[in-house]
Amino acid sequence: MNVFLNLQRLVEPVSIGPGIMKSGTDGRPLARGIREARGRLIGMLDSAAAANPANLWVASQRVRYLAEDGRLKDAVAAALACKFAL
């Protein structure tokens, strides 16, 4: 699996945004690329969690990005699947 993102394909030219330029928006042009990149990252984190289910950092990142993607049931399942022990 290629772990590098094709940023030229994922990110279209956009404005700097309303916070800086007082006009324009970055929302719609960036949203598709962000969703794609997040999906690929979740896939990589899933693979890392399968290889090392006790890795707390990997588990926490899976939970964070699954929740950010609106996949709350998957986020809870990822948290419960973590085998980290003190």
N, C-alpha and C. Protein backbone atom coordinates (compact mmCIF):
# COMPACT_ATOMS: atom_id res chain seq x y z
N MET A 1 0.85 -1.18 0.00
CA MET A 1 0.00 0.00 0.00
C MET A 1 0.90 1.24 0.00
N ASN A 2 0.57 2.17 -0.86
CA ASN A 2 1.29 3.44 -0.92
C ASN A 2 0.84 4.31 0.24
N VAL A 3 1.76 4.65 1.14
CA VAL A 3 1.39 5.43 2.32
C VAL A 3 1.44 6.93 2.08
N PHE A 4 1.91 7.35 0.90
CA PHE A 4 2.00 8.78 0.63
C PHE A 4 0.73 9.27 -0.03
N LEU A 5 0.27 10.44 0.35
CA LEU A 5 -0.94 11.02 -0.21
C LEU A 5 -0.59 11.80 -1.46
N ASN A 6 -1.43 11.72 -2.46
CA ASN A 6 -1.26 12.50 -3.68
C ASN A 6 -1.95 13.84 -3.45
N LEU A 7 -1.22 14.78 -2.84
CA LEU A 7 -1.83 16.05 -2.43
C LEU A 7 -2.30 16.87 -3.62
N GLN A 8 -1.61 16.79 -4.75
CA GLN A 8 -2.07 17.56 -5.91
C GLN A 8 -3.44 17.10 -6.36
N ARG A 9 -3.73 15.82 -6.23
CA ARG A 9 -5.04 15.31 -6.62
C ARG A 9 -6.09 15.58 -5.54
N LEU A 10 -5.69 15.55 -4.28
CA LEU A 10 -6.63 15.69 -3.19
C LEU A 10 -7.03 17.13 -2.88
N VAL A 11 -6.15 18.08 -3.16
CA VAL A 11 -6.40 19.46 -2.79
C VAL A 11 -6.45 20.34 -4.02
N GLU A 12 -7.58 20.95 -4.25
CA GLU A 12 -7.74 21.87 -5.37
C GLU A 12 -7.30 23.26 -4.93
N PRO A 13 -6.90 24.10 -5.89
CA PRO A 13 -6.55 25.49 -5.52
C PRO A 13 -7.76 26.17 -4.87
N VAL A 14 -7.48 26.87 -3.80
CA VAL A 14 -8.55 27.55 -3.05
C VAL A 14 -8.06 28.90 -2.58
N SER A 15 -8.98 29.65 -2.02
CA SER A 15 -8.59 30.93 -1.43
C SER A 15 -7.87 30.69 -0.12
N ILE A 16 -7.26 31.72 0.41
CA ILE A 16 -6.65 31.62 1.73
C ILE A 16 -7.75 31.53 2.78
N GLY A 17 -8.90 32.05 2.47
CA GLY A 17 -10.03 31.91 3.37
C GLY A 17 -10.48 33.22 3.96
N PRO A 18 -11.70 33.22 4.49
CA PRO A 18 -12.28 34.45 5.01
C PRO A 18 -11.56 34.98 6.25
N GLY A 19 -10.91 34.13 7.00
CA GLY A 19 -10.23 34.60 8.20
C GLY A 19 -9.06 35.52 7.90
N ILE A 20 -8.44 35.34 6.75
CA ILE A 20 -7.29 36.16 6.38
C ILE A 20 -7.66 37.20 5.33
N MET A 21 -8.36 36.78 4.29
CA MET A 21 -8.63 37.66 3.15
C MET A 21 -9.97 38.40 3.25
N LYS A 22 -10.76 38.07 4.26
CA LYS A 22 -12.09 38.67 4.44
C LYS A 22 -13.06 38.31 3.31
N SER A 23 -12.71 37.33 2.51
CA SER A 23 -13.61 36.82 1.46
C SER A 23 -13.14 35.42 1.08
N GLY A 24 -13.96 34.70 0.36
CA GLY A 24 -13.60 33.36 -0.08
C GLY A 24 -13.90 32.31 0.98
N THR A 25 -13.75 31.07 0.57
CA THR A 25 -13.97 29.96 1.49
C THR A 25 -13.07 28.80 1.11
N ASP A 26 -12.63 28.06 2.09
CA ASP A 26 -11.84 26.87 1.84
C ASP A 26 -12.68 25.60 2.01
N GLY A 27 -13.90 25.73 2.50
CA GLY A 27 -14.72 24.57 2.86
C GLY A 27 -14.95 23.56 1.76
N ARG A 28 -15.63 23.93 0.73
CA ARG A 28 -16.04 22.94 -0.27
C ARG A 28 -14.89 22.37 -1.08
N PRO A 29 -13.96 23.17 -1.60
CA PRO A 29 -12.89 22.56 -2.39
C PRO A 29 -12.02 21.61 -1.58
N LEU A 30 -11.81 21.88 -0.32
CA LEU A 30 -10.94 21.04 0.49
C LEU A 30 -11.65 19.83 1.07
N ALA A 31 -12.95 19.89 1.24
CA ALA A 31 -13.68 18.85 1.97
C ALA A 31 -13.50 17.46 1.35
N ARG A 32 -13.57 17.35 0.03
CA ARG A 32 -13.44 16.04 -0.62
C ARG A 32 -12.06 15.44 -0.34
N GLY A 33 -11.02 16.24 -0.51
CA GLY A 33 -9.67 15.75 -0.27
C GLY A 33 -9.44 15.37 1.17
N ILE A 34 -10.01 16.14 2.08
CA ILE A 34 -9.87 15.84 3.51
C ILE A 34 -10.55 14.52 3.83
N ARG A 35 -11.76 14.31 3.29
CA ARG A 35 -12.47 13.04 3.54
C ARG A 35 -11.68 11.86 2.99
N GLU A 36 -11.14 11.99 1.78
CA GLU A 36 -10.34 10.91 1.19
C GLU A 36 -9.11 10.62 2.03
N ALA A 37 -8.39 11.67 2.40
CA ALA A 37 -7.16 11.50 3.19
C ALA A 37 -7.48 10.87 4.54
N ARG A 38 -8.56 11.31 5.18
CA ARG A 38 -8.95 10.75 6.47
C ARG A 38 -9.28 9.27 6.33
N GLY A 39 -9.97 8.91 5.27
CA GLY A 39 -10.31 7.51 5.03
C GLY A 39 -9.07 6.64 4.87
N ARG A 40 -8.08 7.15 4.14
CA ARG A 40 -6.82 6.41 3.98
C ARG A 40 -6.09 6.30 5.31
N LEU A 41 -6.08 7.37 6.09
CA LEU A 41 -5.43 7.34 7.39
C LEU A 41 -6.11 6.33 8.31
N ILE A 42 -7.42 6.31 8.32
CA ILE A 42 -8.15 5.34 9.15
C ILE A 42 -7.78 3.92 8.73
N GLY A 43 -7.66 3.68 7.44
CA GLY A 43 -7.25 2.36 6.96
C GLY A 43 -5.87 1.97 7.46
N MET A 44 -4.94 2.92 7.44
CA MET A 44 -3.58 2.65 7.95
C MET A 44 -3.61 2.40 9.46
N LEU A 45 -4.44 3.18 10.18
CA LEU A 45 -4.55 2.97 11.63
C LEU A 45 -5.20 1.63 11.94
N ASP A 46 -6.17 1.22 11.13
CA ASP A 46 -6.79 -0.11 11.31
C ASP A 46 -5.74 -1.21 11.18
N SER A 47 -4.88 -1.08 10.16
CA SER A 47 -3.82 -2.08 9.96
C SER A 47 -2.84 -2.08 11.12
N ALA A 48 -2.47 -0.89 11.59
CA ALA A 48 -1.55 -0.79 12.72
C ALA A 48 -2.16 -1.39 13.98
N ALA A 49 -3.46 -1.16 14.19
CA ALA A 49 -4.13 -1.71 15.37
C ALA A 49 -4.23 -3.23 15.29
N ALA A 50 -4.43 -3.75 14.10
CA ALA A 50 -4.49 -5.21 13.94
C ALA A 50 -3.13 -5.83 14.24
N ALA A 51 -2.06 -5.14 13.86
CA ALA A 51 -0.71 -5.65 14.09
C ALA A 51 -0.30 -5.52 15.55
N ASN A 52 -0.81 -4.51 16.25
CA ASN A 52 -0.43 -4.27 17.65
C ASN A 52 -1.63 -3.71 18.41
N PRO A 53 -2.55 -4.57 18.82
CA PRO A 53 -3.78 -4.11 19.48
C PRO A 53 -3.57 -3.47 20.85
N ALA A 54 -2.37 -3.57 21.41
CA ALA A 54 -2.11 -2.96 22.72
C ALA A 54 -1.50 -1.57 22.61
N ASN A 55 -1.35 -1.05 21.40
CA ASN A 55 -0.74 0.27 21.21
C ASN A 55 -1.78 1.35 21.49
N LEU A 56 -1.64 2.01 22.62
CA LEU A 56 -2.62 3.01 23.05
C LEU A 56 -2.67 4.21 22.11
N TRP A 57 -1.52 4.64 21.60
CA TRP A 57 -1.50 5.79 20.69
C TRP A 57 -2.29 5.48 19.42
N VAL A 58 -2.07 4.31 18.84
CA VAL A 58 -2.80 3.93 17.62
C VAL A 58 -4.29 3.86 17.92
N ALA A 59 -4.66 3.25 19.03
CA ALA A 59 -6.08 3.13 19.38
C ALA A 59 -6.71 4.50 19.55
N SER A 60 -6.02 5.40 20.21
CA SER A 60 -6.60 6.73 20.44
C SER A 60 -6.75 7.51 19.14
N GLN A 61 -5.80 7.35 18.23
CA GLN A 61 -5.91 8.03 16.93
C GLN A 61 -7.04 7.44 16.11
N ARG A 62 -7.22 6.13 16.16
CA ARG A 62 -8.35 5.50 15.45
C ARG A 62 -9.67 6.07 15.96
N VAL A 63 -9.80 6.12 17.28
CA VAL A 63 -11.04 6.64 17.88
C VAL A 63 -11.26 8.08 17.44
N ARG A 64 -10.23 8.89 17.51
CA ARG A 64 -10.35 10.31 17.15
C ARG A 64 -10.81 10.48 15.70
N TYR A 65 -10.13 9.81 14.76
CA TYR A 65 -10.45 10.02 13.35
C TYR A 65 -11.76 9.35 12.94
N LEU A 66 -12.10 8.24 13.54
CA LEU A 66 -13.41 7.63 13.27
C LEU A 66 -14.53 8.55 13.75
N ALA A 67 -14.37 9.13 14.94
CA ALA A 67 -15.38 10.05 15.46
C ALA A 67 -15.46 11.30 14.58
N GLU A 68 -14.31 11.83 14.18
CA GLU A 68 -14.30 13.01 13.31
C GLU A 68 -15.00 12.73 11.98
N ASP A 69 -14.94 11.47 11.55
CA ASP A 69 -15.58 11.06 10.29
C ASP A 69 -17.07 10.76 10.49
N GLY A 70 -17.56 10.90 11.71
CA GLY A 70 -18.98 10.66 11.98
C GLY A 70 -19.31 9.19 12.21
N ARG A 71 -18.31 8.35 12.34
CA ARG A 71 -18.50 6.91 12.52
C ARG A 71 -18.39 6.57 14.01
N LEU A 72 -19.38 7.03 14.78
CA LEU A 72 -19.30 6.92 16.23
C LEU A 72 -19.34 5.47 16.73
N LYS A 73 -20.15 4.62 16.12
CA LYS A 73 -20.19 3.21 16.54
C LYS A 73 -18.85 2.54 16.29
N ASP A 74 -18.22 2.86 15.16
CA ASP A 74 -16.89 2.31 14.87
C ASP A 74 -15.86 2.85 15.85
N ALA A 75 -15.99 4.10 16.25
CA ALA A 75 -15.07 4.69 17.22
C ALA A 75 -15.17 3.98 18.56
N VAL A 76 -16.38 3.70 19.01
CA VAL A 76 -16.58 2.98 20.27
C VAL A 76 -16.00 1.57 20.16
N ALA A 77 -16.24 0.91 19.02
CA ALA A 77 -15.70 -0.44 18.82
C ALA A 77 -14.18 -0.42 18.83
N ALA A 78 -13.58 0.59 18.23
CA ALA A 78 -12.12 0.71 18.22
C ALA A 78 -11.58 0.89 19.64
N ALA A 79 -12.27 1.71 20.43
CA ALA A 79 -11.85 1.92 21.82
C ALA A 79 -11.93 0.61 22.61
N LEU A 80 -13.00 -0.12 22.41
CA LEU A 80 -13.19 -1.37 23.15
C LEU A 80 -12.21 -2.45 22.68
N ALA A 81 -11.74 -2.36 21.44
CA ALA A 81 -10.82 -3.37 20.91
C ALA A 81 -9.39 -3.18 21.40
N CYS A 82 -9.10 -2.03 21.97
CA CYS A 82 -7.73 -1.75 22.45
C CYS A 82 -7.40 -2.69 23.60
N LYS A 83 -6.24 -3.32 23.53
CA LYS A 83 -5.82 -4.29 24.55
C LYS A 83 -4.75 -3.72 25.48
N PHE A 84 -4.61 -2.39 25.52
CA PHE A 84 -3.63 -1.75 26.40
C PHE A 84 -3.94 -2.07 27.86
N ALA A 85 -2.90 -2.39 28.61
CA ALA A 85 -3.06 -2.64 30.04
C ALA A 85 -1.92 -1.99 30.79
N LEU A 86 -2.24 -1.42 31.95
CA LEU A 86 -1.21 -0.79 32.79
C LEU A 86 -0.37 -1.82 33.51
